[in-house]
């Protein structure tokens, strides 16, 4: 299950960019953040896939969604130029951005390689 992030929730659960200059992940599970918009067709294609992955990896990762139309400051803070953009956030490393509607297998590979560090 994914959680829609407002700026307030983002500051609390992901990264308080108002208080910290250096990246410091606030969450207790690695996460994927889906930057999307209602009018974006590829976003609508990838949305259900991310929901499935959130269920498959329940308790291991968190899936968040940021509506770039409603949360323009968050989109700006991460330099989002095209959507969908996915931010993969491991626990103790720098986040990695992927752009575009990636297939489910590619997303699973990224979850395992970037977020969970398994082969």
PDB file of N, CA and C in Angstrom:
ATOM      1  N   UNK A   1       0.839  -1.187   0.000  1.00  0.00           N
ATOM      2  CA  UNK A   1       0.000   0.000   0.000  1.00  0.00           C
ATOM      3  C   UNK A   1       0.883   1.249   0.000  1.00  0.00           C
ATOM      4  N   UNK A   2       0.548   2.179  -0.849  1.00  0.00           N
ATOM      5  CA  UNK A   2       1.349   3.405  -0.908  1.00  0.00           C
ATOM      6  C   UNK A   2       0.708   4.499  -0.056  1.00  0.00           C
ATOM      7  N   UNK A   3       1.528   5.466   0.319  1.00  0.00           N
ATOM      8  CA  UNK A   3       1.090   6.584   1.140  1.00  0.00           C
ATOM      9  C   UNK A   3       1.340   7.867   0.361  1.00  0.00           C
ATOM     10  N   UNK A   4       0.316   8.702   0.248  1.00  0.00           N
ATOM     11  CA  UNK A   4       0.487   9.994  -0.399  1.00  0.00           C
ATOM     12  C   UNK A   4       1.187  10.946   0.553  1.00  0.00           C
ATOM     13  N   UNK A   5       2.258  11.562   0.068  1.00  0.00           N
ATOM     14  CA  UNK A   5       3.037  12.464   0.911  1.00  0.00           C
ATOM     15  C   UNK A   5       2.702  13.921   0.641  1.00  0.00           C
ATOM     16  N   UNK A   6       2.398  14.639   1.709  1.00  0.00           N
ATOM     17  CA  UNK A   6       2.356  16.094   1.661  1.00  0.00           C
ATOM     18  C   UNK A   6       3.754  16.564   2.053  1.00  0.00           C
ATOM     19  N   UNK A   7       4.005  17.842   1.945  1.00  0.00           N
ATOM     20  CA  UNK A   7       5.307  18.350   2.358  1.00  0.00           C
ATOM     21  C   UNK A   7       5.556  18.036   3.829  1.00  0.00           C
ATOM     22  N   UNK A   8       4.547  18.209   4.678  1.00  0.00           N
ATOM     23  CA  UNK A   8       4.710  17.970   6.106  1.00  0.00           C
ATOM     24  C   UNK A   8       5.093  16.515   6.381  1.00  0.00           C
ATOM     25  N   UNK A   9       4.385  15.577   5.748  1.00  0.00           N
ATOM     26  CA  UNK A   9       4.701  14.161   5.928  1.00  0.00           C
ATOM     27  C   UNK A   9       6.084  13.835   5.374  1.00  0.00           C
ATOM     28  N   UNK A  10       6.433  14.454   4.243  1.00  0.00           N
ATOM     29  CA  UNK A  10       7.746  14.220   3.645  1.00  0.00           C
ATOM     30  C   UNK A  10       8.856  14.641   4.610  1.00  0.00           C
ATOM     31  N   UNK A  11       8.716  15.814   5.198  1.00  0.00           N
ATOM     32  CA  UNK A  11       9.725  16.306   6.141  1.00  0.00           C
ATOM     33  C   UNK A  11       9.862  15.371   7.339  1.00  0.00           C
ATOM     34  N   UNK A  12       8.751  14.778   7.760  1.00  0.00           N
ATOM     35  CA  UNK A  12       8.744  13.907   8.940  1.00  0.00           C
ATOM     36  C   UNK A  12       9.233  12.491   8.614  1.00  0.00           C
ATOM     37  N   UNK A  13       8.801  11.931   7.474  1.00  0.00           N
ATOM     38  CA  UNK A  13       9.043  10.513   7.195  1.00  0.00           C
ATOM     39  C   UNK A  13      10.218  10.254   6.255  1.00  0.00           C
ATOM     40  N   UNK A  14      10.641  11.270   5.471  1.00  0.00           N
ATOM     41  CA  UNK A  14      11.682  11.016   4.481  1.00  0.00           C
ATOM     42  C   UNK A  14      12.917  11.866   4.744  1.00  0.00           C
ATOM     43  N   UNK A  15      12.797  13.175   4.545  1.00  0.00           N
ATOM     44  CA  UNK A  15      13.979  14.026   4.658  1.00  0.00           C
ATOM     45  C   UNK A  15      13.538  15.439   5.011  1.00  0.00           C
ATOM     46  N   UNK A  16      14.030  15.940   6.132  1.00  0.00           N
ATOM     47  CA  UNK A  16      13.705  17.300   6.533  1.00  0.00           C
ATOM     48  C   UNK A  16      14.720  18.244   5.884  1.00  0.00           C
ATOM     49  N   UNK A  17      14.443  18.619   4.640  1.00  0.00           N
ATOM     50  CA  UNK A  17      15.388  19.467   3.895  1.00  0.00           C
ATOM     51  C   UNK A  17      15.382  20.907   4.393  1.00  0.00           C
ATOM     52  N   UNK A  18      14.421  21.254   5.233  1.00  0.00           N
ATOM     53  CA  UNK A  18      14.432  22.600   5.820  1.00  0.00           C
ATOM     54  C   UNK A  18      15.425  22.677   6.975  1.00  0.00           C
ATOM     55  N   UNK A  19      15.633  21.566   7.671  1.00  0.00           N
ATOM     56  CA  UNK A  19      16.527  21.552   8.834  1.00  0.00           C
ATOM     57  C   UNK A  19      17.923  21.027   8.497  1.00  0.00           C
ATOM     58  N   UNK A  20      18.024  20.147   7.513  1.00  0.00           N
ATOM     59  CA  UNK A  20      19.299  19.494   7.191  1.00  0.00           C
ATOM     60  C   UNK A  20      19.765  19.834   5.779  1.00  0.00           C
ATOM     61  N   UNK A  21      21.031  20.178   5.653  1.00  0.00           N
ATOM     62  CA  UNK A  21      21.615  20.394   4.326  1.00  0.00           C
ATOM     63  C   UNK A  21      22.069  19.061   3.734  1.00  0.00           C
ATOM     64  N   UNK A  22      22.656  18.216   4.594  1.00  0.00           N
ATOM     65  CA  UNK A  22      23.121  16.900   4.159  1.00  0.00           C
ATOM     66  C   UNK A  22      21.947  15.920   4.203  1.00  0.00           C
ATOM     67  N   UNK A  23      21.932  14.983   3.237  1.00  0.00           N
ATOM     68  CA  UNK A  23      20.880  13.978   3.193  1.00  0.00           C
ATOM     69  C   UNK A  23      20.860  13.167   4.485  1.00  0.00           C
ATOM     70  N   UNK A  24      19.685  13.049   5.091  1.00  0.00           N
ATOM     71  CA  UNK A  24      19.500  12.206   6.275  1.00  0.00           C
ATOM     72  C   UNK A  24      18.097  11.617   6.190  1.00  0.00           C
ATOM     73  N   UNK A  25      18.035  10.340   5.875  1.00  0.00           N
ATOM     74  CA  UNK A  25      16.752   9.660   5.738  1.00  0.00           C
ATOM     75  C   UNK A  25      16.108   9.471   7.101  1.00  0.00           C
ATOM     76  N   UNK A  26      14.841   9.864   7.224  1.00  0.00           N
ATOM     77  CA  UNK A  26      14.130   9.816   8.505  1.00  0.00           C
ATOM     78  C   UNK A  26      13.322   8.538   8.700  1.00  0.00           C
ATOM     79  N   UNK A  27      13.194   7.715   7.660  1.00  0.00           N
ATOM     80  CA  UNK A  27      12.317   6.550   7.725  1.00  0.00           C
ATOM     81  C   UNK A  27      12.920   5.360   8.445  1.00  0.00           C
ATOM     82  N   UNK A  28      12.074   4.363   8.719  1.00  0.00           N
ATOM     83  CA  UNK A  28      12.549   3.147   9.372  1.00  0.00           C
ATOM     84  C   UNK A  28      12.580   1.955   8.415  1.00  0.00           C
ATOM     85  N   UNK A  29      12.150   2.152   7.173  1.00  0.00           N
ATOM     86  CA  UNK A  29      12.261   1.149   6.110  1.00  0.00           C
ATOM     87  C   UNK A  29      12.757   1.857   4.855  1.00  0.00           C
ATOM     88  N   UNK A  30      13.536   1.166   3.995  1.00  0.00           N
ATOM     89  CA  UNK A  30      13.891   1.781   2.716  1.00  0.00           C
ATOM     90  C   UNK A  30      12.601   2.112   1.965  1.00  0.00           C
ATOM     91  N   UNK A  31      12.667   3.075   1.061  1.00  0.00           N
ATOM     92  CA  UNK A  31      11.426   3.446   0.376  1.00  0.00           C
ATOM     93  C   UNK A  31      11.650   3.786  -1.093  1.00  0.00           C
ATOM     94  N   UNK A  32      10.537   3.766  -1.821  1.00  0.00           N
ATOM     95  CA  UNK A  32      10.470   4.290  -3.184  1.00  0.00           C
ATOM     96  C   UNK A  32       9.497   5.451  -3.124  1.00  0.00           C
ATOM     97  N   UNK A  33       9.891   6.568  -3.715  1.00  0.00           N
ATOM     98  CA  UNK A  33       8.993   7.716  -3.802  1.00  0.00           C
ATOM     99  C   UNK A  33       8.655   7.927  -5.270  1.00  0.00           C
ATOM    100  N   UNK A  34       7.383   7.838  -5.574  1.00  0.00           N
ATOM    101  CA  UNK A  34       6.878   7.992  -6.937  1.00  0.00           C
ATOM    102  C   UNK A  34       6.393   9.428  -7.111  1.00  0.00           C
ATOM    103  N   UNK A  35       7.120  10.201  -7.916  1.00  0.00           N
ATOM    104  CA  UNK A  35       6.680  11.554  -8.270  1.00  0.00           C
ATOM    105  C   UNK A  35       5.797  11.417  -9.503  1.00  0.00           C
ATOM    106  N   UNK A  36       4.532  11.819  -9.395  1.00  0.00           N
ATOM    107  CA  UNK A  36       3.560  11.576 -10.453  1.00  0.00           C
ATOM    108  C   UNK A  36       2.593  12.740 -10.576  1.00  0.00           C
ATOM    109  N   UNK A  37       1.720  12.674 -11.582  1.00  0.00           N
ATOM    110  CA  UNK A  37       0.626  13.639 -11.733  1.00  0.00           C
ATOM    111  C   UNK A  37      -0.580  12.926 -12.339  1.00  0.00           C
ATOM    112  N   UNK A  38      -1.746  13.459 -12.062  1.00  0.00           N
ATOM    113  CA  UNK A  38      -3.011  12.871 -12.509  1.00  0.00           C
ATOM    114  C   UNK A  38      -3.093  12.739 -14.036  1.00  0.00           C
ATOM    115  N   UNK A  39      -2.560  13.697 -14.763  1.00  0.00           N
ATOM    116  CA  UNK A  39      -2.670  13.732 -16.229  1.00  0.00           C
ATOM    117  C   UNK A  39      -1.633  12.861 -16.945  1.00  0.00           C
ATOM    118  N   UNK A  40      -0.726  12.263 -16.205  1.00  0.00           N
ATOM    119  CA  UNK A  40       0.415  11.535 -16.781  1.00  0.00           C
ATOM    120  C   UNK A  40       0.062  10.070 -17.034  1.00  0.00           C
ATOM    121  N   UNK A  41      -0.022   9.676 -18.326  1.00  0.00           N
ATOM    122  CA  UNK A  41      -0.377   8.289 -18.655  1.00  0.00           C
ATOM    123  C   UNK A  41       0.635   7.270 -18.145  1.00  0.00           C
ATOM    124  N   UNK A  42       1.952   7.473 -18.368  1.00  0.00           N
ATOM    125  CA  UNK A  42       2.907   6.493 -17.828  1.00  0.00           C
ATOM    126  C   UNK A  42       2.800   6.364 -16.302  1.00  0.00           C
ATOM    127  N   UNK A  43       2.459   7.473 -15.629  1.00  0.00           N
ATOM    128  CA  UNK A  43       2.277   7.427 -14.167  1.00  0.00           C
ATOM    129  C   UNK A  43       1.133   6.478 -13.814  1.00  0.00           C
ATOM    130  N   UNK A  44       0.063   6.528 -14.607  1.00  0.00           N
ATOM    131  CA  UNK A  44      -1.099   5.673 -14.353  1.00  0.00           C
ATOM    132  C   UNK A  44      -0.766   4.207 -14.624  1.00  0.00           C
ATOM    133  N   UNK A  45       0.186   3.959 -15.533  1.00  0.00           N
ATOM    134  CA  UNK A  45       0.598   2.587 -15.810  1.00  0.00           C
ATOM    135  C   UNK A  45       1.447   2.031 -14.666  1.00  0.00           C
ATOM    136  N   UNK A  46       2.313   2.854 -14.129  1.00  0.00           N
ATOM    137  CA  UNK A  46       3.255   2.371 -13.114  1.00  0.00           C
ATOM    138  C   UNK A  46       2.627   2.339 -11.709  1.00  0.00           C
ATOM    139  N   UNK A  47       1.585   3.132 -11.483  1.00  0.00           N
ATOM    140  CA  UNK A  47       0.931   3.191 -10.179  1.00  0.00           C
ATOM    141  C   UNK A  47       0.516   1.831  -9.635  1.00  0.00           C
ATOM    142  N   UNK A  48      -0.259   1.035 -10.414  1.00  0.00           N
ATOM    143  CA  UNK A  48      -0.679  -0.281  -9.914  1.00  0.00           C
ATOM    144  C   UNK A  48       0.506  -1.230  -9.678  1.00  0.00           C
ATOM    145  N   UNK A  49       1.550  -1.113 -10.480  1.00  0.00           N
ATOM    146  CA  UNK A  49       2.743  -1.951 -10.302  1.00  0.00           C
ATOM    147  C   UNK A  49       3.393  -1.630  -8.958  1.00  0.00           C
ATOM    148  N   UNK A  50       3.498  -0.338  -8.643  1.00  0.00           N
ATOM    149  CA  UNK A  50       4.084   0.059  -7.361  1.00  0.00           C
ATOM    150  C   UNK A  50       3.224  -0.409  -6.189  1.00  0.00           C
ATOM    151  N   UNK A  51       1.908  -0.387  -6.369  1.00  0.00           N
ATOM    152  CA  UNK A  51       1.007  -0.904  -5.325  1.00  0.00           C
ATOM    153  C   UNK A  51       1.280  -2.391  -5.084  1.00  0.00           C
ATOM    154  N   UNK A  52       1.407  -3.161  -6.188  1.00  0.00           N
ATOM    155  CA  UNK A  52       1.693  -4.598  -6.078  1.00  0.00           C
ATOM    156  C   UNK A  52       3.024  -4.819  -5.359  1.00  0.00           C
ATOM    157  N   UNK A  53       4.046  -4.055  -5.746  1.00  0.00           N
ATOM    158  CA  UNK A  53       5.360  -4.217  -5.129  1.00  0.00           C
ATOM    159  C   UNK A  53       5.321  -3.844  -3.649  1.00  0.00           C
ATOM    160  N   UNK A  54       4.538  -2.822  -3.317  1.00  0.00           N
ATOM    161  CA  UNK A  54       4.382  -2.441  -1.914  1.00  0.00           C
ATOM    162  C   UNK A  54       3.808  -3.580  -1.091  1.00  0.00           C
ATOM    163  N   UNK A  55       2.872  -4.335  -1.697  1.00  0.00           N
ATOM    164  CA  UNK A  55       2.278  -5.483  -1.004  1.00  0.00           C
ATOM    165  C   UNK A  55       3.266  -6.650  -0.956  1.00  0.00           C
ATOM    166  N   UNK A  56       3.956  -6.908  -2.094  1.00  0.00           N
ATOM    167  CA  UNK A  56       4.923  -8.008  -2.144  1.00  0.00           C
ATOM    168  C   UNK A  56       6.054  -7.822  -1.137  1.00  0.00           C
ATOM    169  N   UNK A  57       6.479  -6.573  -0.969  1.00  0.00           N
ATOM    170  CA  UNK A  57       7.607  -6.279  -0.081  1.00  0.00           C
ATOM    171  C   UNK A  57       7.152  -5.646   1.233  1.00  0.00           C
ATOM    172  N   UNK A  58       5.909  -5.899   1.620  1.00  0.00           N
ATOM    173  CA  UNK A  58       5.360  -5.337   2.861  1.00  0.00           C
ATOM    174  C   UNK A  58       6.270  -5.679   4.039  1.00  0.00           C
ATOM    175  N   UNK A  59       6.549  -4.682   4.862  1.00  0.00           N
ATOM    176  CA  UNK A  59       7.416  -4.876   6.011  1.00  0.00           C
ATOM    177  C   UNK A  59       8.894  -4.742   5.680  1.00  0.00           C
ATOM    178  N   UNK A  60       9.220  -4.670   4.374  1.00  0.00           N
ATOM    179  CA  UNK A  60      10.618  -4.534   3.953  1.00  0.00           C
ATOM    180  C   UNK A  60      10.900  -3.165   3.336  1.00  0.00           C
ATOM    181  N   UNK A  61       9.909  -2.650   2.595  1.00  0.00           N
ATOM    182  CA  UNK A  61      10.048  -1.318   1.997  1.00  0.00           C
ATOM    183  C   UNK A  61       8.735  -0.556   2.166  1.00  0.00           C
ATOM    184  N   UNK A  62       8.810   0.744   1.974  1.00  0.00           N
ATOM    185  CA  UNK A  62       7.631   1.612   1.994  1.00  0.00           C
ATOM    186  C   UNK A  62       7.515   2.250   0.607  1.00  0.00           C
ATOM    187  N   UNK A  63       6.307   2.376   0.098  1.00  0.00           N
ATOM    188  CA  UNK A  63       6.076   3.062  -1.171  1.00  0.00           C
ATOM    189  C   UNK A  63       5.322   4.359  -0.880  1.00  0.00           C
ATOM    190  N   UNK A  64       5.915   5.462  -1.303  1.00  0.00           N
ATOM    191  CA  UNK A  64       5.293   6.774  -1.154  1.00  0.00           C
ATOM    192  C   UNK A  64       4.982   7.358  -2.520  1.00  0.00           C
ATOM    193  N   UNK A  65       3.981   8.226  -2.566  1.00  0.00           N
ATOM    194  CA  UNK A  65       3.629   8.922  -3.803  1.00  0.00           C
ATOM    195  C   UNK A  65       3.597  10.424  -3.526  1.00  0.00           C
ATOM    196  N   UNK A  66       4.158  11.202  -4.465  1.00  0.00           N
ATOM    197  CA  UNK A  66       4.113  12.658  -4.368  1.00  0.00           C
ATOM    198  C   UNK A  66       3.449  13.173  -5.641  1.00  0.00           C
ATOM    199  N   UNK A  67       2.277  13.783  -5.479  1.00  0.00           N
ATOM    200  CA  UNK A  67       1.580  14.395  -6.602  1.00  0.00           C
ATOM    201  C   UNK A  67       2.283  15.720  -6.913  1.00  0.00           C
ATOM    202  N   UNK A  68       2.956  15.778  -8.054  1.00  0.00           N
ATOM    203  CA  UNK A  68       3.780  16.949  -8.375  1.00  0.00           C
ATOM    204  C   UNK A  68       2.941  18.202  -8.638  1.00  0.00           C
ATOM    205  N   UNK A  69       1.668  18.021  -8.942  1.00  0.00           N
ATOM    206  CA  UNK A  69       0.794  19.184  -9.137  1.00  0.00           C
ATOM    207  C   UNK A  69       0.447  19.824  -7.792  1.00  0.00           C
ATOM    208  N   UNK A  70       0.239  18.978  -6.786  1.00  0.00           N
ATOM    209  CA  UNK A  70      -0.155  19.473  -5.467  1.00  0.00           C
ATOM    210  C   UNK A  70       1.047  19.843  -4.604  1.00  0.00           C
ATOM    211  N   UNK A  71       2.178  19.184  -4.849  1.00  0.00           N
ATOM    212  CA  UNK A  71       3.371  19.386  -4.014  1.00  0.00           C
ATOM    213  C   UNK A  71       4.535  19.878  -4.877  1.00  0.00           C
ATOM    214  N   UNK A  72       4.350  21.051  -5.466  1.00  0.00           N
ATOM    215  CA  UNK A  72       5.353  21.578  -6.387  1.00  0.00           C
ATOM    216  C   UNK A  72       6.680  21.876  -5.693  1.00  0.00           C
ATOM    217  N   UNK A  73       6.631  22.242  -4.424  1.00  0.00           N
ATOM    218  CA  UNK A  73       7.872  22.520  -3.706  1.00  0.00           C
ATOM    219  C   UNK A  73       8.721  21.255  -3.567  1.00  0.00           C
ATOM    220  N   UNK A  74       8.073  20.111  -3.281  1.00  0.00           N
ATOM    221  CA  UNK A  74       8.814  18.849  -3.190  1.00  0.00           C
ATOM    222  C   UNK A  74       9.412  18.470  -4.539  1.00  0.00           C
ATOM    223  N   UNK A  75       8.608  18.596  -5.600  1.00  0.00           N
ATOM    224  CA  UNK A  75       9.111  18.285  -6.944  1.00  0.00           C
ATOM    225  C   UNK A  75      10.305  19.179  -7.274  1.00  0.00           C
ATOM    226  N   UNK A  76      10.216  20.448  -6.905  1.00  0.00           N
ATOM    227  CA  UNK A  76      11.306  21.386  -7.148  1.00  0.00           C
ATOM    228  C   UNK A  76      12.542  21.058  -6.342  1.00  0.00           C
ATOM    229  N   UNK A  77      12.346  20.627  -5.098  1.00  0.00           N
ATOM    230  CA  UNK A  77      13.476  20.305  -4.222  1.00  0.00           C
ATOM    231  C   UNK A  77      14.306  19.154  -4.787  1.00  0.00           C
ATOM    232  N   UNK A  78      13.667  18.275  -5.557  1.00  0.00           N
ATOM    233  CA  UNK A  78      14.371  17.139  -6.140  1.00  0.00           C
ATOM    234  C   UNK A  78      14.629  17.315  -7.632  1.00  0.00           C
ATOM    235  N   UNK A  79      14.363  18.510  -8.153  1.00  0.00           N
ATOM    236  CA  UNK A  79      14.653  18.801  -9.549  1.00  0.00           C
ATOM    237  C   UNK A  79      13.878  17.922 -10.519  1.00  0.00           C
ATOM    238  N   UNK A  80      12.637  17.595 -10.171  1.00  0.00           N
ATOM    239  CA  UNK A  80      11.833  16.730 -11.038  1.00  0.00           C
ATOM    240  C   UNK A  80      11.468  17.501 -12.306  1.00  0.00           C
ATOM    241  N   UNK A  81      11.942  16.996 -13.442  1.00  0.00           N
ATOM    242  CA  UNK A  81      11.673  17.637 -14.740  1.00  0.00           C
ATOM    243  C   UNK A  81      10.689  16.813 -15.563  1.00  0.00           C
ATOM    244  N   UNK A  82      10.714  15.499 -15.394  1.00  0.00           N
ATOM    245  CA  UNK A  82       9.767  14.651 -16.113  1.00  0.00           C
ATOM    246  C   UNK A  82       9.228  13.593 -15.158  1.00  0.00           C
ATOM    247  N   UNK A  83       8.030  13.146 -15.458  1.00  0.00           N
ATOM    248  CA  UNK A  83       7.396  12.150 -14.592  1.00  0.00           C
ATOM    249  C   UNK A  83       6.918  10.991 -15.457  1.00  0.00           C
ATOM    250  N   UNK A  84       6.793   9.791 -14.920  1.00  0.00           N
ATOM    251  CA  UNK A  84       7.096   9.488 -13.527  1.00  0.00           C
ATOM    252  C   UNK A  84       8.599   9.505 -13.251  1.00  0.00           C
ATOM    253  N   UNK A  85       8.947   9.960 -12.066  1.00  0.00           N
ATOM    254  CA  UNK A  85      10.307   9.858 -11.547  1.00  0.00           C
ATOM    255  C   UNK A  85      10.217   9.094 -10.237  1.00  0.00           C
ATOM    256  N   UNK A  86      11.099   8.125 -10.089  1.00  0.00           N
ATOM    257  CA  UNK A  86      11.102   7.293  -8.880  1.00  0.00           C
ATOM    258  C   UNK A  86      12.392   7.522  -8.124  1.00  0.00           C
ATOM    259  N   UNK A  87      12.263   7.831  -6.856  1.00  0.00           N
ATOM    260  CA  UNK A  87      13.423   8.004  -5.998  1.00  0.00           C
ATOM    261  C   UNK A  87      13.534   6.772  -5.104  1.00  0.00           C
ATOM    262  N   UNK A  88      14.640   6.032  -5.270  1.00  0.00           N
ATOM    263  CA  UNK A  88      14.908   4.849  -4.454  1.00  0.00           C
ATOM    264  C   UNK A  88      15.758   5.298  -3.271  1.00  0.00           C
ATOM    265  N   UNK A  89      15.245   5.101  -2.054  1.00  0.00           N
ATOM    266  CA  UNK A  89      15.912   5.602  -0.855  1.00  0.00           C
ATOM    267  C   UNK A  89      16.313   4.432   0.052  1.00  0.00           C
ATOM    268  N   UNK A  90      17.605   4.029   0.001  1.00  0.00           N
ATOM    269  CA  UNK A  90      18.076   2.998   0.924  1.00  0.00           C
ATOM    270  C   UNK A  90      18.232   3.588   2.326  1.00  0.00           C
ATOM    271  N   UNK A  91      18.446   2.749   3.307  1.00  0.00           N
ATOM    272  CA  UNK A  91      18.521   3.216   4.688  1.00  0.00           C
ATOM    273  C   UNK A  91      19.719   4.125   4.954  1.00  0.00           C
ATOM    274  N   UNK A  92      20.913   3.730   4.531  1.00  0.00           N
ATOM    275  CA  UNK A  92      22.110   4.460   4.946  1.00  0.00           C
ATOM    276  C   UNK A  92      22.963   4.960   3.788  1.00  0.00           C
ATOM    277  N   UNK A  93      22.375   5.090   2.617  1.00  0.00           N
ATOM    278  CA  UNK A  93      23.127   5.563   1.464  1.00  0.00           C
ATOM    279  C   UNK A  93      22.355   6.670   0.778  1.00  0.00           C
ATOM    280  N   UNK A  94      22.999   7.277  -0.211  1.00  0.00           N
ATOM    281  CA  UNK A  94      22.348   8.333  -0.964  1.00  0.00           C
ATOM    282  C   UNK A  94      21.215   7.754  -1.814  1.00  0.00           C
ATOM    283  N   UNK A  95      20.128   8.500  -1.965  1.00  0.00           N
ATOM    284  CA  UNK A  95      19.034   8.034  -2.817  1.00  0.00           C
ATOM    285  C   UNK A  95      19.440   8.037  -4.283  1.00  0.00           C
ATOM    286  N   UNK A  96      18.750   7.242  -5.090  1.00  0.00           N
ATOM    287  CA  UNK A  96      19.003   7.161  -6.526  1.00  0.00           C
ATOM    288  C   UNK A  96      17.705   7.400  -7.268  1.00  0.00           C
ATOM    289  N   UNK A  97      17.786   8.206  -8.329  1.00  0.00           N
ATOM    290  CA  UNK A  97      16.605   8.563  -9.115  1.00  0.00           C
ATOM    291  C   UNK A  97      16.549   7.728 -10.387  1.00  0.00           C
ATOM    292  N   UNK A  98      15.356   7.284 -10.735  1.00  0.00           N
ATOM    293  CA  UNK A  98      15.106   6.633 -12.018  1.00  0.00           C
ATOM    294  C   UNK A  98      13.928   7.351 -12.654  1.00  0.00           C
ATOM    295  N   UNK A  99      14.018   7.591 -13.963  1.00  0.00           N
ATOM    296  CA  UNK A  99      12.964   8.328 -14.659  1.00  0.00           C
ATOM    297  C   UNK A  99      12.289   7.404 -15.659  1.00  0.00           C
ATOM    298  N   UNK A 100      10.954   7.509 -15.729  1.00  0.00           N
ATOM    299  CA  UNK A 100      10.200   6.735 -16.708  1.00  0.00           C
ATOM    300  C   UNK A 100       9.426   5.604 -16.051  1.00  0.00           C
ATOM    301  N   UNK A 101       8.487   5.061 -16.832  1.00  0.00           N
ATOM    302  CA  UNK A 101       7.664   3.948 -16.370  1.00  0.00           C
ATOM    303  C   UNK A 101       8.433   2.656 -16.597  1.00  0.00           C
ATOM    304  N   UNK A 102       9.104   2.189 -15.552  1.00  0.00           N
ATOM    305  CA  UNK A 102       9.927   0.999 -15.658  1.00  0.00           C
ATOM    306  C   UNK A 102       9.068  -0.256 -15.505  1.00  0.00           C
ATOM    307  N   UNK A 103       9.453  -1.346 -16.197  1.00  0.00           N
ATOM    308  CA  UNK A 103       8.706  -2.599 -16.034  1.00  0.00           C
ATOM    309  C   UNK A 103       8.866  -3.162 -14.622  1.00  0.00           C
ATOM    310  N   UNK A 104       7.914  -3.996 -14.223  1.00  0.00           N
ATOM    311  CA  UNK A 104       7.904  -4.547 -12.866  1.00  0.00           C
ATOM    312  C   UNK A 104       9.212  -5.269 -12.542  1.00  0.00           C
ATOM    313  N   UNK A 105       9.730  -6.062 -13.475  1.00  0.00           N
ATOM    314  CA  UNK A 105      10.963  -6.817 -13.205  1.00  0.00           C
ATOM    315  C   UNK A 105      12.138  -5.873 -12.941  1.00  0.00           C
ATOM    316  N   UNK A 106      12.210  -4.776 -13.692  1.00  0.00           N
ATOM    317  CA  UNK A 106      13.274  -3.792 -13.492  1.00  0.00           C
ATOM    318  C   UNK A 106      13.144  -3.152 -12.115  1.00  0.00           C
ATOM    319  N   UNK A 107      11.914  -2.848 -11.724  1.00  0.00           N
ATOM    320  CA  UNK A 107      11.674  -2.270 -10.401  1.00  0.00           C
ATOM    321  C   UNK A 107      12.056  -3.248  -9.295  1.00  0.00           C
ATOM    322  N   UNK A 108      11.715  -4.531  -9.477  1.00  0.00           N
ATOM    323  CA  UNK A 108      12.084  -5.544  -8.476  1.00  0.00           C
ATOM    324  C   UNK A 108      13.598  -5.637  -8.353  1.00  0.00           C
ATOM    325  N   UNK A 109      14.289  -5.599  -9.494  1.00  0.00           N
ATOM    326  CA  UNK A 109      15.757  -5.660  -9.490  1.00  0.00           C
ATOM    327  C   UNK A 109      16.322  -4.468  -8.713  1.00  0.00           C
ATOM    328  N   UNK A 110      15.762  -3.276  -8.962  1.00  0.00           N
ATOM    329  CA  UNK A 110      16.230  -2.068  -8.272  1.00  0.00           C
ATOM    330  C   UNK A 110      15.954  -2.160  -6.770  1.00  0.00           C
ATOM    331  N   UNK A 111      14.795  -2.675  -6.404  1.00  0.00           N
ATOM    332  CA  UNK A 111      14.475  -2.844  -4.986  1.00  0.00           C
ATOM    333  C   UNK A 111      15.508  -3.757  -4.330  1.00  0.00           C
ATOM    334  N   UNK A 112      15.788  -4.883  -4.973  1.00  0.00           N
ATOM    335  CA  UNK A 112      16.730  -5.848  -4.405  1.00  0.00           C
ATOM    336  C   UNK A 112      18.161  -5.308  -4.386  1.00  0.00           C
ATOM    337  N   UNK A 113      18.577  -4.613  -5.458  1.00  0.00           N
ATOM    338  CA  UNK A 113      19.960  -4.139  -5.565  1.00  0.00           C
ATOM    339  C   UNK A 113      20.215  -2.878  -4.760  1.00  0.00           C
ATOM    340  N   UNK A 114      19.275  -1.934  -4.798  1.00  0.00           N
ATOM    341  CA  UNK A 114      19.495  -0.628  -4.186  1.00  0.00           C
ATOM    342  C   UNK A 114      18.960  -0.568  -2.753  1.00  0.00           C
ATOM    343  N   UNK A 115      17.751  -1.070  -2.553  1.00  0.00           N
ATOM    344  CA  UNK A 115      17.105  -0.910  -1.258  1.00  0.00           C
ATOM    345  C   UNK A 115      17.418  -2.049  -0.276  1.00  0.00           C
ATOM    346  N   UNK A 116      17.439  -3.277  -0.773  1.00  0.00           N
ATOM    347  CA  UNK A 116      17.594  -4.418   0.123  1.00  0.00           C
ATOM    348  C   UNK A 116      18.962  -5.071   0.038  1.00  0.00           C
ATOM    349  N   UNK A 117      19.743  -4.712  -0.977  1.00  0.00           N
ATOM    350  CA  UNK A 117      21.117  -5.232  -1.154  1.00  0.00           C
ATOM    351  C   UNK A 117      21.150  -6.752  -1.150  1.00  0.00           C
ATOM    352  N   UNK A 118      20.208  -7.374  -1.902  1.00  0.00           N
ATOM    353  CA  UNK A 118      20.230  -8.820  -2.036  1.00  0.00           C
ATOM    354  C   UNK A 118      20.455  -9.176  -3.491  1.00  0.00           C
ATOM    355  N   UNK A 119      20.878 -10.379  -3.747  1.00  0.00           N
ATOM    356  CA  UNK A 119      21.115 -10.818  -5.136  1.00  0.00           C
ATOM    357  C   UNK A 119      20.084 -11.848  -5.540  1.00  0.00           C
TER     358      UNK A 119
END
